[in-house]
Amino acid sequence: MPLIVIAEDEFLIADVLAMMLEDAGYEVATAAHGKAALALVKEKPPALVITDFMMPLMTGLELAQAMRADAALSSIPIMLVSGAQGSIGRAHPHIFDVVLDKPYEEKKLISTVVSLIGSAQALG
C-alpha cells in the first residue's frame, strides 16, 4: 500500500484528508507541522507528501525546500494544498508538483493523487 505523508496543522482537516485517502486504499501518516513531516519522510520515504503552507515550526514551503535539497528525498512528489498561499506554491513549480486550493473536492484530490503516484489498488 503506497504511503502518503500529510503535513497539516489543523487536526480536523488532517483527519478528513487521511480518511479520504485511506478509503481510496492508501496508507497515511499525519504530522502537525513541516518539521514532524520531514522526520516521518526521512524515517520511511512515502510515495507522496501532501502539505499545507502555513504551519508552525516549518512551513510547507520550507518542508518542500528541505526535501528537494536532500538527494534521498528530492524525487518524492509534493502536493501543496492551501487556502491563501496557492499562488506562492505556483510560483515554485520546481518545488511543488501540484498545487490545490482549499476548499477542494474529494474527487479532484483523489484524481490528482492517482495522477502523481497511481491508484492504491493498482500498486497495492
PDB file of N, CA and C in Angstrom:
ATOM      1  N   MET A   1       0.845  -1.179   0.000  1.00  0.00           N
ATOM      2  CA  MET A   1       0.000   0.000   0.000  1.00  0.00           C
ATOM      3  C   MET A   1       0.893   1.246   0.000  1.00  0.00           C
ATOM      4  N   PRO A   2       0.724   2.145  -0.969  1.00  0.00           N
ATOM      5  CA  PRO A   2       1.552   3.354  -1.012  1.00  0.00           C
ATOM      6  C   PRO A   2       1.306   4.252   0.206  1.00  0.00           C
ATOM      7  N   LEU A   3       2.396   4.766   0.755  1.00  0.00           N
ATOM      8  CA  LEU A   3       2.326   5.664   1.910  1.00  0.00           C
ATOM      9  C   LEU A   3       2.257   7.111   1.447  1.00  0.00           C
ATOM     10  N   ILE A   4       1.348   7.867   2.070  1.00  0.00           N
ATOM     11  CA  ILE A   4       1.245   9.305   1.842  1.00  0.00           C
ATOM     12  C   ILE A   4       1.424   9.994   3.189  1.00  0.00           C
ATOM     13  N   VAL A   5       2.326  10.963   3.250  1.00  0.00           N
ATOM     14  CA  VAL A   5       2.514  11.764   4.459  1.00  0.00           C
ATOM     15  C   VAL A   5       1.757  13.074   4.282  1.00  0.00           C
ATOM     16  N   ILE A   6       0.951  13.411   5.280  1.00  0.00           N
ATOM     17  CA  ILE A   6       0.183  14.659   5.279  1.00  0.00           C
ATOM     18  C   ILE A   6       0.767  15.587   6.340  1.00  0.00           C
ATOM     19  N   ALA A   7       1.132  16.795   5.952  1.00  0.00           N
ATOM     20  CA  ALA A   7       1.584  17.834   6.884  1.00  0.00           C
ATOM     21  C   ALA A   7       0.483  18.884   6.948  1.00  0.00           C
ATOM     22  N   GLU A   8      -0.229  18.913   8.061  1.00  0.00           N
ATOM     23  CA  GLU A   8      -1.378  19.817   8.218  1.00  0.00           C
ATOM     24  C   GLU A   8      -1.557  20.111   9.698  1.00  0.00           C
ATOM     25  N   ASP A   9      -1.551  21.406  10.064  1.00  0.00           N
ATOM     26  CA  ASP A   9      -1.651  21.770  11.476  1.00  0.00           C
ATOM     27  C   ASP A   9      -3.094  21.834  11.988  1.00  0.00           C
ATOM     28  N   GLU A  10      -4.073  21.850  11.103  1.00  0.00           N
ATOM     29  CA  GLU A  10      -5.471  21.827  11.536  1.00  0.00           C
ATOM     30  C   GLU A  10      -5.915  20.368  11.579  1.00  0.00           C
ATOM     31  N   PHE A  11      -6.075  19.848  12.808  1.00  0.00           N
ATOM     32  CA  PHE A  11      -6.309  18.420  13.008  1.00  0.00           C
ATOM     33  C   PHE A  11      -7.538  17.901  12.276  1.00  0.00           C
ATOM     34  N   LEU A  12      -8.601  18.679  12.251  1.00  0.00           N
ATOM     35  CA  LEU A  12      -9.823  18.247  11.583  1.00  0.00           C
ATOM     36  C   LEU A  12      -9.590  18.059  10.086  1.00  0.00           C
ATOM     37  N   ILE A  13      -8.904  18.988   9.479  1.00  0.00           N
ATOM     38  CA  ILE A  13      -8.590  18.882   8.049  1.00  0.00           C
ATOM     39  C   ILE A  13      -7.696  17.669   7.802  1.00  0.00           C
ATOM     40  N   ALA A  14      -6.688  17.488   8.648  1.00  0.00           N
ATOM     41  CA  ALA A  14      -5.784  16.338   8.511  1.00  0.00           C
ATOM     42  C   ALA A  14      -6.547  15.027   8.624  1.00  0.00           C
ATOM     43  N   ASP A  15      -7.476  14.946   9.589  1.00  0.00           N
ATOM     44  CA  ASP A  15      -8.246  13.717   9.783  1.00  0.00           C
ATOM     45  C   ASP A  15      -9.153  13.421   8.590  1.00  0.00           C
ATOM     46  N   VAL A  16      -9.828  14.430   8.078  1.00  0.00           N
ATOM     47  CA  VAL A  16     -10.714  14.239   6.930  1.00  0.00           C
ATOM     48  C   VAL A  16      -9.898  13.810   5.706  1.00  0.00           C
ATOM     49  N   LEU A  17      -8.779  14.461   5.475  1.00  0.00           N
ATOM     50  CA  LEU A  17      -7.911  14.119   4.347  1.00  0.00           C
ATOM     51  C   LEU A  17      -7.378  12.692   4.494  1.00  0.00           C
ATOM     52  N   ALA A  18      -6.955  12.336   5.695  1.00  0.00           N
ATOM     53  CA  ALA A  18      -6.450  10.982   5.947  1.00  0.00           C
ATOM     54  C   ALA A  18      -7.541   9.945   5.676  1.00  0.00           C
ATOM     55  N   MET A  19      -8.763  10.197   6.128  1.00  0.00           N
ATOM     56  CA  MET A  19      -9.866   9.257   5.900  1.00  0.00           C
ATOM     57  C   MET A  19     -10.159   9.096   4.408  1.00  0.00           C
ATOM     58  N   MET A  20     -10.165  10.211   3.669  1.00  0.00           N
ATOM     59  CA  MET A  20     -10.408  10.148   2.226  1.00  0.00           C
ATOM     60  C   MET A  20      -9.367   9.262   1.546  1.00  0.00           C
ATOM     61  N   LEU A  21      -8.110   9.470   1.899  1.00  0.00           N
ATOM     62  CA  LEU A  21      -7.029   8.724   1.257  1.00  0.00           C
ATOM     63  C   LEU A  21      -7.018   7.259   1.690  1.00  0.00           C
ATOM     64  N   GLU A  22      -7.304   7.005   2.961  1.00  0.00           N
ATOM     65  CA  GLU A  22      -7.380   5.620   3.438  1.00  0.00           C
ATOM     66  C   GLU A  22      -8.529   4.887   2.755  1.00  0.00           C
ATOM     67  N   ASP A  23      -9.674   5.559   2.589  1.00  0.00           N
ATOM     68  CA  ASP A  23     -10.812   4.960   1.891  1.00  0.00           C
ATOM     69  C   ASP A  23     -10.460   4.634   0.441  1.00  0.00           C
ATOM     70  N   ALA A  24      -9.539   5.405  -0.144  1.00  0.00           N
ATOM     71  CA  ALA A  24      -9.097   5.163  -1.517  1.00  0.00           C
ATOM     72  C   ALA A  24      -8.004   4.090  -1.581  1.00  0.00           C
ATOM     73  N   GLY A  25      -7.594   3.572  -0.405  1.00  0.00           N
ATOM     74  CA  GLY A  25      -6.651   2.465  -0.381  1.00  0.00           C
ATOM     75  C   GLY A  25      -5.208   2.810  -0.067  1.00  0.00           C
ATOM     76  N   TYR A  26      -4.946   4.039   0.328  1.00  0.00           N
ATOM     77  CA  TYR A  26      -3.579   4.444   0.647  1.00  0.00           C
ATOM     78  C   TYR A  26      -3.306   4.323   2.141  1.00  0.00           C
ATOM     79  N   GLU A  27      -2.039   4.113   2.481  1.00  0.00           N
ATOM     80  CA  GLU A  27      -1.587   4.194   3.867  1.00  0.00           C
ATOM     81  C   GLU A  27      -1.272   5.661   4.126  1.00  0.00           C
ATOM     82  N   VAL A  28      -1.629   6.172   5.302  1.00  0.00           N
ATOM     83  CA  VAL A  28      -1.456   7.595   5.585  1.00  0.00           C
ATOM     84  C   VAL A  28      -0.770   7.797   6.935  1.00  0.00           C
ATOM     85  N   ALA A  29       0.168   8.731   6.973  1.00  0.00           N
ATOM     86  CA  ALA A  29       0.773   9.189   8.223  1.00  0.00           C
ATOM     87  C   ALA A  29       0.592  10.698   8.259  1.00  0.00           C
ATOM     88  N   THR A  30       0.193  11.236   9.419  1.00  0.00           N
ATOM     89  CA  THR A  30      -0.029  12.678   9.523  1.00  0.00           C
ATOM     90  C   THR A  30       0.978  13.313  10.478  1.00  0.00           C
ATOM     91  N   ALA A  31       1.266  14.580  10.207  1.00  0.00           N
ATOM     92  CA  ALA A  31       2.161  15.373  11.043  1.00  0.00           C
ATOM     93  C   ALA A  31       1.543  16.752  11.212  1.00  0.00           C
ATOM     94  N   ALA A  32       1.706  17.339  12.401  1.00  0.00           N
ATOM     95  CA  ALA A  32       1.078  18.624  12.709  1.00  0.00           C
ATOM     96  C   ALA A  32       1.861  19.828  12.193  1.00  0.00           C
ATOM     97  N   HIS A  33       3.052  19.602  11.657  1.00  0.00           N
ATOM     98  CA  HIS A  33       3.850  20.689  11.079  1.00  0.00           C
ATOM     99  C   HIS A  33       4.929  20.095  10.185  1.00  0.00           C
ATOM    100  N   GLY A  34       5.577  20.959   9.435  1.00  0.00           N
ATOM    101  CA  GLY A  34       6.575  20.506   8.485  1.00  0.00           C
ATOM    102  C   GLY A  34       7.752  19.784   9.104  1.00  0.00           C
ATOM    103  N   LYS A  35       8.173  20.210  10.272  1.00  0.00           N
ATOM    104  CA  LYS A  35       9.323  19.578  10.925  1.00  0.00           C
ATOM    105  C   LYS A  35       9.023  18.116  11.262  1.00  0.00           C
ATOM    106  N   ALA A  36       7.841  17.848  11.796  1.00  0.00           N
ATOM    107  CA  ALA A  36       7.441  16.466  12.104  1.00  0.00           C
ATOM    108  C   ALA A  36       7.260  15.663  10.813  1.00  0.00           C
ATOM    109  N   ALA A  37       6.729  16.301   9.788  1.00  0.00           N
ATOM    110  CA  ALA A  37       6.557  15.615   8.500  1.00  0.00           C
ATOM    111  C   ALA A  37       7.910  15.229   7.912  1.00  0.00           C
ATOM    112  N   LEU A  38       8.889  16.118   8.001  1.00  0.00           N
ATOM    113  CA  LEU A  38      10.224  15.821   7.474  1.00  0.00           C
ATOM    114  C   LEU A  38      10.829  14.620   8.200  1.00  0.00           C
ATOM    115  N   ALA A  39      10.622  14.541   9.499  1.00  0.00           N
ATOM    116  CA  ALA A  39      11.116  13.390  10.272  1.00  0.00           C
ATOM    117  C   ALA A  39      10.447  12.098   9.792  1.00  0.00           C
ATOM    118  N   LEU A  40       9.126  12.144   9.544  1.00  0.00           N
ATOM    119  CA  LEU A  40       8.413  10.965   9.036  1.00  0.00           C
ATOM    120  C   LEU A  40       8.936  10.551   7.668  1.00  0.00           C
ATOM    121  N   VAL A  41       9.156  11.527   6.804  1.00  0.00           N
ATOM    122  CA  VAL A  41       9.623  11.265   5.444  1.00  0.00           C
ATOM    123  C   VAL A  41      11.016  10.639   5.462  1.00  0.00           C
ATOM    124  N   LYS A  42      11.870  11.125   6.356  1.00  0.00           N
ATOM    125  CA  LYS A  42      13.228  10.555   6.461  1.00  0.00           C
ATOM    126  C   LYS A  42      13.200   9.144   7.038  1.00  0.00           C
ATOM    127  N   GLU A  43      12.256   8.890   7.947  1.00  0.00           N
ATOM    128  CA  GLU A  43      12.142   7.582   8.589  1.00  0.00           C
ATOM    129  C   GLU A  43      11.659   6.514   7.601  1.00  0.00           C
ATOM    130  N   LYS A  44      10.626   6.866   6.823  1.00  0.00           N
ATOM    131  CA  LYS A  44      10.068   5.937   5.841  1.00  0.00           C
ATOM    132  C   LYS A  44       9.602   6.752   4.640  1.00  0.00           C
ATOM    133  N   PRO A  45      10.443   6.848   3.603  1.00  0.00           N
ATOM    134  CA  PRO A  45      10.083   7.678   2.448  1.00  0.00           C
ATOM    135  C   PRO A  45       8.740   7.264   1.841  1.00  0.00           C
ATOM    136  N   PRO A  46       7.821   8.222   1.711  1.00  0.00           N
ATOM    137  CA  PRO A  46       6.489   7.938   1.172  1.00  0.00           C
ATOM    138  C   PRO A  46       6.463   8.033  -0.354  1.00  0.00           C
ATOM    139  N   ALA A  47       5.332   7.638  -0.917  1.00  0.00           N
ATOM    140  CA  ALA A  47       5.112   7.798  -2.350  1.00  0.00           C
ATOM    141  C   ALA A  47       4.760   9.248  -2.680  1.00  0.00           C
ATOM    142  N   LEU A  48       4.226   9.982  -1.664  1.00  0.00           N
ATOM    143  CA  LEU A  48       3.739  11.346  -1.875  1.00  0.00           C
ATOM    144  C   LEU A  48       3.688  12.088  -0.548  1.00  0.00           C
ATOM    145  N   VAL A  49       3.948  13.396  -0.599  1.00  0.00           N
ATOM    146  CA  VAL A  49       3.744  14.277   0.557  1.00  0.00           C
ATOM    147  C   VAL A  49       2.689  15.301   0.165  1.00  0.00           C
ATOM    148  N   ILE A  50       1.680  15.451   1.025  1.00  0.00           N
ATOM    149  CA  ILE A  50       0.657  16.492   0.856  1.00  0.00           C
ATOM    150  C   ILE A  50       0.837  17.451   2.011  1.00  0.00           C
ATOM    151  N   THR A  51       1.069  18.717   1.701  1.00  0.00           N
ATOM    152  CA  THR A  51       1.351  19.684   2.758  1.00  0.00           C
ATOM    153  C   THR A  51       0.509  20.943   2.647  1.00  0.00           C
ATOM    154  N   ASP A  52       0.175  21.474   3.810  1.00  0.00           N
ATOM    155  CA  ASP A  52      -0.412  22.803   3.922  1.00  0.00           C
ATOM    156  C   ASP A  52       0.746  23.792   3.792  1.00  0.00           C
ATOM    157  N   PHE A  53       0.454  25.066   3.657  1.00  0.00           N
ATOM    158  CA  PHE A  53       1.518  26.068   3.578  1.00  0.00           C
ATOM    159  C   PHE A  53       1.844  26.630   4.955  1.00  0.00           C
ATOM    160  N   MET A  54       0.858  27.271   5.577  1.00  0.00           N
ATOM    161  CA  MET A  54       1.072  27.922   6.864  1.00  0.00           C
ATOM    162  C   MET A  54       0.977  26.922   8.005  1.00  0.00           C
ATOM    163  N   MET A  55       2.129  26.634   8.638  1.00  0.00           N
ATOM    164  CA  MET A  55       2.182  25.720   9.783  1.00  0.00           C
ATOM    165  C   MET A  55       3.254  26.217  10.740  1.00  0.00           C
ATOM    166  N   PRO A  56       3.132  25.870  12.012  1.00  0.00           N
ATOM    167  CA  PRO A  56       4.180  26.254  12.967  1.00  0.00           C
ATOM    168  C   PRO A  56       5.450  25.434  12.741  1.00  0.00           C
ATOM    169  N   LEU A  57       6.552  25.928  13.259  1.00  0.00           N
ATOM    170  CA  LEU A  57       7.873  25.289  13.243  1.00  0.00           C
ATOM    171  C   LEU A  57       8.515  25.188  11.869  1.00  0.00           C
ATOM    172  N   MET A  58       7.780  24.771  10.855  1.00  0.00           N
ATOM    173  CA  MET A  58       8.305  24.679   9.492  1.00  0.00           C
ATOM    174  C   MET A  58       7.125  24.748   8.533  1.00  0.00           C
ATOM    175  N   THR A  59       7.152  25.719   7.627  1.00  0.00           N
ATOM    176  CA  THR A  59       6.056  25.871   6.669  1.00  0.00           C
ATOM    177  C   THR A  59       6.121  24.780   5.606  1.00  0.00           C
ATOM    178  N   GLY A  60       5.059  24.694   4.818  1.00  0.00           N
ATOM    179  CA  GLY A  60       5.051  23.751   3.711  1.00  0.00           C
ATOM    180  C   GLY A  60       6.134  24.055   2.697  1.00  0.00           C
ATOM    181  N   LEU A  61       6.403  25.336   2.463  1.00  0.00           N
ATOM    182  CA  LEU A  61       7.475  25.720   1.542  1.00  0.00           C
ATOM    183  C   LEU A  61       8.832  25.276   2.091  1.00  0.00           C
ATOM    184  N   GLU A  62       9.070  25.489   3.373  1.00  0.00           N
ATOM    185  CA  GLU A  62      10.339  25.071   3.982  1.00  0.00           C
ATOM    186  C   GLU A  62      10.487  23.545   3.964  1.00  0.00           C
ATOM    187  N   LEU A  63       9.394  22.829   4.204  1.00  0.00           N
ATOM    188  CA  LEU A  63       9.417  21.373   4.129  1.00  0.00           C
ATOM    189  C   LEU A  63       9.800  20.930   2.719  1.00  0.00           C
ATOM    190  N   ALA A  64       9.145  21.490   1.725  1.00  0.00           N
ATOM    191  CA  ALA A  64       9.420  21.125   0.332  1.00  0.00           C
ATOM    192  C   ALA A  64      10.857  21.469  -0.055  1.00  0.00           C
ATOM    193  N   GLN A  65      11.340  22.625   0.373  1.00  0.00           N
ATOM    194  CA  GLN A  65      12.722  23.009   0.066  1.00  0.00           C
ATOM    195  C   GLN A  65      13.714  22.037   0.707  1.00  0.00           C
ATOM    196  N   ALA A  66      13.449  21.628   1.948  1.00  0.00           N
ATOM    197  CA  ALA A  66      14.327  20.673   2.640  1.00  0.00           C
ATOM    198  C   ALA A  66      14.325  19.330   1.915  1.00  0.00           C
ATOM    199  N   MET A  67      13.163  18.900   1.446  1.00  0.00           N
ATOM    200  CA  MET A  67      13.095  17.632   0.721  1.00  0.00           C
ATOM    201  C   MET A  67      13.830  17.720  -0.611  1.00  0.00           C
ATOM    202  N   ARG A  68      13.664  18.809  -1.331  1.00  0.00           N
ATOM    203  CA  ARG A  68      14.329  18.960  -2.631  1.00  0.00           C
ATOM    204  C   ARG A  68      15.848  19.056  -2.480  1.00  0.00           C
ATOM    205  N   ALA A  69      16.320  19.544  -1.337  1.00  0.00           N
ATOM    206  CA  ALA A  69      17.757  19.685  -1.088  1.00  0.00           C
ATOM    207  C   ALA A  69      18.400  18.374  -0.645  1.00  0.00           C
ATOM    208  N   ASP A  70      17.592  17.361  -0.310  1.00  0.00           N
ATOM    209  CA  ASP A  70      18.085  16.074   0.171  1.00  0.00           C
ATOM    210  C   ASP A  70      17.986  15.064  -0.975  1.00  0.00           C
ATOM    211  N   ALA A  71      19.138  14.572  -1.442  1.00  0.00           N
ATOM    212  CA  ALA A  71      19.161  13.677  -2.602  1.00  0.00           C
ATOM    213  C   ALA A  71      18.275  12.446  -2.402  1.00  0.00           C
ATOM    214  N   ALA A  72      18.171  11.954  -1.182  1.00  0.00           N
ATOM    215  CA  ALA A  72      17.373  10.762  -0.911  1.00  0.00           C
ATOM    216  C   ALA A  72      15.866  11.038  -0.974  1.00  0.00           C
ATOM    217  N   LEU A  73      15.474  12.308  -0.850  1.00  0.00           N
ATOM    218  CA  LEU A  73      14.052  12.671  -0.802  1.00  0.00           C
ATOM    219  C   LEU A  73      13.603  13.515  -1.991  1.00  0.00           C
ATOM    220  N   SER A  74      14.538  13.984  -2.787  1.00  0.00           N
ATOM    221  CA  SER A  74      14.246  15.004  -3.800  1.00  0.00           C
ATOM    222  C   SER A  74      13.275  14.564  -4.888  1.00  0.00           C
ATOM    223  N   SER A  75      13.132  13.267  -5.115  1.00  0.00           N
ATOM    224  CA  SER A  75      12.245  12.820  -6.192  1.00  0.00           C
ATOM    225  C   SER A  75      10.823  12.507  -5.721  1.00  0.00           C
ATOM    226  N   ILE A  76      10.560  12.629  -4.423  1.00  0.00           N
ATOM    227  CA  ILE A  76       9.214  12.361  -3.895  1.00  0.00           C
ATOM    228  C   ILE A  76       8.279  13.495  -4.327  1.00  0.00           C
ATOM    229  N   PRO A  77       7.144  13.164  -4.951  1.00  0.00           N
ATOM    230  CA  PRO A  77       6.203  14.219  -5.339  1.00  0.00           C
ATOM    231  C   PRO A  77       5.644  14.946  -4.112  1.00  0.00           C
ATOM    232  N   ILE A  78       5.442  16.265  -4.273  1.00  0.00           N
ATOM    233  CA  ILE A  78       4.904  17.091  -3.196  1.00  0.00           C
ATOM    234  C   ILE A  78       3.702  17.864  -3.728  1.00  0.00           C
ATOM    235  N   MET A  79       2.581  17.723  -3.017  1.00  0.00           N
ATOM    236  CA  MET A  79       1.368  18.447  -3.356  1.00  0.00           C
ATOM    237  C   MET A  79       1.103  19.492  -2.280  1.00  0.00           C
ATOM    238  N   LEU A  80       0.992  20.750  -2.685  1.00  0.00           N
ATOM    239  CA  LEU A  80       0.629  21.823  -1.766  1.00  0.00           C
ATOM    240  C   LEU A  80      -0.882  21.980  -1.806  1.00  0.00           C
ATOM    241  N   VAL A  81      -1.520  21.928  -0.634  1.00  0.00           N
ATOM    242  CA  VAL A  81      -2.955  22.153  -0.507  1.00  0.00           C
ATOM    243  C   VAL A  81      -3.106  23.340   0.430  1.00  0.00           C
ATOM    244  N   SER A  82      -3.519  24.485  -0.128  1.00  0.00           N
ATOM    245  CA  SER A  82      -3.507  25.707   0.663  1.00  0.00           C
ATOM    246  C   SER A  82      -4.692  26.598   0.341  1.00  0.00           C
ATOM    247  N   GLY A  83      -5.074  27.393   1.332  1.00  0.00           N
ATOM    248  CA  GLY A  83      -6.157  28.341   1.133  1.00  0.00           C
ATOM    249  C   GLY A  83      -5.680  29.607   0.458  1.00  0.00           C
ATOM    250  N   ALA A  84      -4.845  30.348   1.136  1.00  0.00           N
ATOM    251  CA  ALA A  84      -4.452  31.671   0.653  1.00  0.00           C
ATOM    252  C   ALA A  84      -3.099  31.703  -0.052  1.00  0.00           C
ATOM    253  N   GLN A  85      -2.272  30.672   0.136  1.00  0.00           N
ATOM    254  CA  GLN A  85      -0.911  30.727  -0.377  1.00  0.00           C
ATOM    255  C   GLN A  85      -0.676  29.902  -1.645  1.00  0.00           C
ATOM    256  N   GLY A  86      -1.744  29.505  -2.328  1.00  0.00           N
ATOM    257  CA  GLY A  86      -1.591  28.730  -3.552  1.00  0.00           C
ATOM    258  C   GLY A  86      -0.723  29.417  -4.584  1.00  0.00           C
ATOM    259  N   SER A  87      -0.842  30.744  -4.677  1.00  0.00           N
ATOM    260  CA  SER A  87      -0.044  31.477  -5.673  1.00  0.00           C
ATOM    261  C   SER A  87       1.447  31.387  -5.373  1.00  0.00           C
ATOM    262  N   ILE A  88       1.810  31.331  -4.098  1.00  0.00           N
ATOM    263  CA  ILE A  88       3.222  31.170  -3.738  1.00  0.00           C
ATOM    264  C   ILE A  88       3.709  29.801  -4.202  1.00  0.00           C
ATOM    265  N   GLY A  89       2.886  28.781  -3.991  1.00  0.00           N
ATOM    266  CA  GLY A  89       3.241  27.441  -4.452  1.00  0.00           C
ATOM    267  C   GLY A  89       3.386  27.372  -5.957  1.00  0.00           C
ATOM    268  N   ARG A  90       2.474  28.010  -6.679  1.00  0.00           N
ATOM    269  CA  ARG A  90       2.536  28.011  -8.145  1.00  0.00           C
ATOM    270  C   ARG A  90       3.764  28.766  -8.657  1.00  0.00           C
ATOM    271  N   ALA A  91       4.275  29.680  -7.858  1.00  0.00           N
ATOM    272  CA  ALA A  91       5.488  30.420  -8.236  1.00  0.00           C
ATOM    273  C   ALA A  91       6.740  29.560  -8.074  1.00  0.00           C
ATOM    274  N   HIS A  92       6.591  28.356  -7.495  1.00  0.00           N
ATOM    275  CA  HIS A  92       7.719  27.446  -7.278  1.00  0.00           C
ATOM    276  C   HIS A  92       7.435  26.075  -7.909  1.00  0.00           C
ATOM    277  N   PRO A  93       7.251  26.017  -9.238  1.00  0.00           N
ATOM    278  CA  PRO A  93       6.913  24.731  -9.866  1.00  0.00           C
ATOM    279  C   PRO A  93       8.045  23.704  -9.769  1.00  0.00           C
ATOM    280  N   HIS A  94       9.249  24.153  -9.494  1.00  0.00           N
ATOM    281  CA  HIS A  94      10.378  23.234  -9.323  1.00  0.00           C
ATOM    282  C   HIS A  94      10.370  22.593  -7.934  1.00  0.00           C
ATOM    283  N   ILE A  95       9.516  23.099  -7.039  1.00  0.00           N
ATOM    284  CA  ILE A  95       9.429  22.566  -5.675  1.00  0.00           C
ATOM    285  C   ILE A  95       8.146  21.762  -5.481  1.00  0.00           C
ATOM    286  N   PHE A  96       7.013  22.301  -5.932  1.00  0.00           N
ATOM    287  CA  PHE A  96       5.726  21.629  -5.770  1.00  0.00           C
ATOM    288  C   PHE A  96       5.288  21.020  -7.098  1.00  0.00           C
ATOM    289  N   ASP A  97       4.921  19.743  -7.069  1.00  0.00           N
ATOM    290  CA  ASP A  97       4.456  19.070  -8.282  1.00  0.00           C
ATOM    291  C   ASP A  97       3.043  19.505  -8.649  1.00  0.00           C
ATOM    292  N   VAL A  98       2.227  19.753  -7.624  1.00  0.00           N
ATOM    293  CA  VAL A  98       0.832  20.150  -7.817  1.00  0.00           C
ATOM    294  C   VAL A  98       0.437  21.110  -6.705  1.00  0.00           C
ATOM    295  N   VAL A  99      -0.402  22.087  -7.040  1.00  0.00           N
ATOM    296  CA  VAL A  99      -0.982  22.982  -6.034  1.00  0.00           C
ATOM    297  C   VAL A  99      -2.499  22.904  -6.162  1.00  0.00           C
ATOM    298  N   LEU A 100      -3.162  22.556  -5.054  1.00  0.00           N
ATOM    299  CA  LEU A 100      -4.626  22.549  -4.995  1.00  0.00           C
ATOM    300  C   LEU A 100      -5.070  23.605  -3.997  1.00  0.00           C
ATOM    301  N   ASP A 101      -6.087  24.357  -4.374  1.00  0.00           N
ATOM    302  CA  ASP A 101      -6.616  25.374  -3.476  1.00  0.00           C
ATOM    303  C   ASP A 101      -7.696  24.784  -2.578  1.00  0.00           C
ATOM    304  N   LYS A 102      -7.674  25.207  -1.302  1.00  0.00           N
ATOM    305  CA  LYS A 102      -8.756  24.855  -0.375  1.00  0.00           C
ATOM    306  C   LYS A 102      -9.897  25.843  -0.598  1.00  0.00           C
ATOM    307  N   PRO A 103     -11.127  25.439  -0.524  1.00  0.00           N
ATOM    308  CA  PRO A 103     -11.569  24.059  -0.354  1.00  0.00           C
ATOM    309  C   PRO A 103     -11.452  23.309  -1.679  1.00  0.00           C
ATOM    310  N   TYR A 104     -11.179  22.032  -1.614  1.00  0.00           N
ATOM    311  CA  TYR A 104     -11.057  21.203  -2.804  1.00  0.00           C
ATOM    312  C   TYR A 104     -12.116  20.102  -2.735  1.00  0.00           C
ATOM    313  N   GLU A 105     -12.435  19.564  -3.884  1.00  0.00           N
ATOM    314  CA  GLU A 105     -13.397  18.469  -3.934  1.00  0.00           C
ATOM    315  C   GLU A 105     -12.632  17.162  -3.752  1.00  0.00           C
ATOM    316  N   GLU A 106     -13.241  16.212  -3.050  1.00  0.00           N
ATOM    317  CA  GLU A 106     -12.611  14.923  -2.798  1.00  0.00           C
ATOM    318  C   GLU A 106     -12.197  14.243  -4.107  1.00  0.00           C
ATOM    319  N   LYS A 107     -13.077  14.235  -5.114  1.00  0.00           N
ATOM    320  CA  LYS A 107     -12.765  13.582  -6.391  1.00  0.00           C
ATOM    321  C   LYS A 107     -11.545  14.209  -7.050  1.00  0.00           C
ATOM    322  N   LYS A 108     -11.439  15.530  -6.978  1.00  0.00           N
ATOM    323  CA  LYS A 108     -10.300  16.233  -7.573  1.00  0.00           C
ATOM    324  C   LYS A 108      -9.010  15.849  -6.848  1.00  0.00           C
ATOM    325  N   LEU A 109      -9.055  15.801  -5.522  1.00  0.00           N
ATOM    326  CA  LEU A 109      -7.877  15.437  -4.744  1.00  0.00           C
ATOM    327  C   LEU A 109      -7.439  14.013  -5.070  1.00  0.00           C
ATOM    328  N   ILE A 110      -8.370  13.071  -5.047  1.00  0.00           N
ATOM    329  CA  ILE A 110      -8.029  11.671  -5.301  1.00  0.00           C
ATOM    330  C   ILE A 110      -7.510  11.497  -6.728  1.00  0.00           C
ATOM    331  N   SER A 111      -8.135  12.138  -7.701  1.00  0.00           N
ATOM    332  CA  SER A 111      -7.668  12.006  -9.085  1.00  0.00           C
ATOM    333  C   SER A 111      -6.268  12.607  -9.248  1.00  0.00           C
ATOM    334  N   THR A 112      -5.977  13.666  -8.507  1.00  0.00           N
ATOM    335  CA  THR A 112      -4.644  14.265  -8.551  1.00  0.00           C
ATOM    336  C   THR A 112      -3.615  13.324  -7.929  1.00  0.00           C
ATOM    337  N   VAL A 113      -3.973  12.700  -6.807  1.00  0.00           N
ATOM    338  CA  VAL A 113      -3.073  11.724  -6.174  1.00  0.00           C
ATOM    339  C   VAL A 113      -2.805  10.575  -7.134  1.00  0.00           C
ATOM    340  N   VAL A 114      -3.854  10.062  -7.757  1.00  0.00           N
ATOM    341  CA  VAL A 114      -3.703   8.952  -8.718  1.00  0.00           C
ATOM    342  C   VAL A 114      -2.790   9.367  -9.860  1.00  0.00           C
ATOM    343  N   SER A 115      -2.942  10.599 -10.358  1.00  0.00           N
ATOM    344  CA  SER A 115      -2.100  11.048 -11.471  1.00  0.00           C
ATOM    345  C   SER A 115      -0.629  11.163 -11.065  1.00  0.00           C
ATOM    346  N   LEU A 116      -0.378  11.438  -9.778  1.00  0.00           N
ATOM    347  CA  LEU A 116       1.005  11.563  -9.304  1.00  0.00           C
ATOM    348  C   LEU A 116       1.657  10.226  -8.981  1.00  0.00           C
ATOM    349  N   ILE A 117       0.901   9.328  -8.337  1.00  0.00           N
ATOM    350  CA  ILE A 117       1.526   8.084  -7.868  1.00  0.00           C
ATOM    351  C   ILE A 117       0.790   6.814  -8.282  1.00  0.00           C
ATOM    352  N   GLY A 118      -0.310   6.930  -9.003  1.00  0.00           N
ATOM    353  CA  GLY A 118      -1.076   5.756  -9.391  1.00  0.00           C
ATOM    354  C   GLY A 118      -2.112   5.406  -8.331  1.00  0.00           C
ATOM    355  N   SER A 119      -3.019   4.525  -8.717  1.00  0.00           N
ATOM    356  CA  SER A 119      -4.057   4.133  -7.763  1.00  0.00           C
ATOM    357  C   SER A 119      -3.503   3.154  -6.748  1.00  0.00           C
ATOM    358  N   ALA A 120      -4.043   3.195  -5.551  1.00  0.00           N
ATOM    359  CA  ALA A 120      -3.593   2.301  -4.489  1.00  0.00           C
ATOM    360  C   ALA A 120      -3.877   0.855  -4.867  1.00  0.00           C
ATOM    361  N   GLN A 121      -5.000   0.608  -5.538  1.00  0.00           N
ATOM    362  CA  GLN A 121      -5.358  -0.748  -5.906  1.00  0.00           C
ATOM    363  C   GLN A 121      -4.360  -1.307  -6.940  1.00  0.00           C
ATOM    364  N   ALA A 122      -3.954  -0.479  -7.872  1.00  0.00           N
ATOM    365  CA  ALA A 122      -3.007  -0.928  -8.902  1.00  0.00           C
ATOM    366  C   ALA A 122      -1.632  -1.187  -8.315  1.00  0.00           C
ATOM    367  N   LEU A 123      -1.252  -0.370  -7.310  1.00  0.00           N
ATOM    368  CA  LEU A 123       0.073  -0.506  -6.716  1.00  0.00           C
ATOM    369  C   LEU A 123       0.086  -1.511  -5.579  1.00  0.00           C
ATOM    370  N   GLY A 124      -1.065  -1.664  -4.934  1.00  0.00           N
ATOM    371  CA  GLY A 124      -1.326  -2.376  -3.763  1.00  0.00           C
ATOM    372  C   GLY A 124      -0.589  -3.523  -3.302  1.00  0.00           C
TER     373      GLY A 124
END
